[in-house]
Amino acid sequence: MNHLPVCATCKRELRCKKNSYAVIDGSGLWHGDLWECPGCDLQVVVGFGAAPLMEPHDPKFTHLVAAETRDYGPPLVMEDV
């Protein structure tokens, strides 16, 4: 079985909306792929690498986030749960 991700609500295959979508969590800046359901607009980000592009303690972290925001739009910032 070789399917794209499937929406459990709509039972439709998700479509990739954007590659290299920026996500920030407590361990750094990551890139993943943003997928969206064409039926209900559910969105998920999957396909992250094994390590963040940059960690928050790196002196260039703030500059990289600002450049990403300027060039590609604001990153998704994860909330702590």
Protein backbone atom coordinates (compact mmCIF):
# COMPACT_ATOMS: atom_id res chain seq x y z
CA MET A 1 0.00 0.00 0.00
CA ASN A 2 1.60 3.27 -1.09
CA HIS A 3 -0.72 6.11 -0.12
CA LEU A 4 -0.24 9.73 0.72
CA PRO A 5 -1.29 10.70 4.27
CA VAL A 6 -5.05 10.26 4.70
CA CYS A 7 -7.51 12.48 6.60
CA ALA A 8 -9.34 10.29 9.13
CA THR A 9 -12.35 12.63 9.06
CA CYS A 10 -12.81 13.09 5.29
CA LYS A 11 -11.17 9.83 4.20
CA ARG A 12 -9.31 11.72 1.47
CA GLU A 13 -5.60 11.82 0.67
CA LEU A 14 -3.81 14.94 1.85
CA ARG A 15 -1.95 17.13 -0.63
CA CYS A 16 1.47 18.65 -0.04
CA LYS A 17 0.94 22.41 0.26
CA LYS A 18 4.52 23.53 1.02
CA ASN A 19 7.93 21.91 1.30
CA SER A 20 10.54 23.22 3.76
CA TYR A 21 7.90 24.61 6.11
CA ALA A 22 9.63 26.16 9.13
CA VAL A 23 8.72 24.94 12.61
CA ILE A 24 10.26 26.12 15.89
CA ASP A 25 10.14 24.05 19.05
CA GLY A 26 12.20 24.05 22.24
CA SER A 27 15.09 22.29 20.52
CA GLY A 28 15.44 24.54 17.47
CA LEU A 29 14.36 25.41 13.95
CA TRP A 30 13.18 22.52 11.80
CA HIS A 31 11.90 22.13 8.25
CA GLY A 32 9.11 19.74 7.37
CA ASP A 33 6.44 19.43 4.69
CA LEU A 34 3.03 21.04 5.21
CA TRP A 35 0.18 18.78 4.06
CA GLU A 36 -3.47 19.80 3.77
CA CYS A 37 -6.77 17.96 3.38
CA PRO A 38 -8.71 19.19 0.34
CA GLY A 39 -11.98 18.33 2.10
CA CYS A 40 -11.76 19.94 5.54
CA ASP A 41 -8.50 21.98 5.37
CA LEU A 42 -6.86 19.94 8.16
CA GLN A 43 -3.13 20.67 8.10
CA VAL A 44 -0.20 18.61 9.38
CA VAL A 45 3.56 19.02 9.17
CA VAL A 46 5.59 15.82 8.63
CA GLY A 47 8.93 14.72 7.24
CA PHE A 48 11.36 16.41 9.63
CA GLY A 49 15.05 15.64 9.53
CA ALA A 50 16.97 13.85 12.26
CA ALA A 51 18.23 17.11 13.80
CA PRO A 52 17.16 20.78 13.79
CA LEU A 53 18.66 23.16 11.24
CA MET A 54 19.83 25.31 14.13
CA GLU A 55 19.48 25.22 17.91
CA PRO A 56 18.21 28.23 19.92
CA HIS A 57 21.52 28.75 21.77
CA ASP A 58 23.36 29.34 18.46
CA PRO A 59 24.22 33.07 18.17
CA LYS A 60 22.84 33.12 14.61
CA PHE A 61 19.46 31.56 15.56
CA THR A 62 17.53 34.85 15.79
CA HIS A 63 19.01 36.05 12.50
CA LEU A 64 18.07 32.79 10.74
CA VAL A 65 14.49 32.94 12.04
CA ALA A 66 14.20 36.58 10.92
CA ALA A 67 15.54 35.70 7.45
CA GLU A 68 13.15 32.73 7.14
CA THR A 69 10.24 34.95 8.19
CA ARG A 70 11.21 37.66 5.70
CA ASP A 71 11.68 35.25 2.79
CA TYR A 72 9.02 32.58 3.43
CA GLY A 73 6.57 33.89 6.03
CA PRO A 74 6.35 33.28 9.76
CA PRO A 75 7.28 29.84 11.10
CA LEU A 76 4.93 27.69 13.09
CA VAL A 77 5.93 28.02 16.74
CA MET A 78 4.99 24.94 18.74
CA GLU A 79 3.48 25.31 22.19
CA ASP A 80 4.77 23.32 25.12
CA VAL A 81 2.26 20.72 26.28
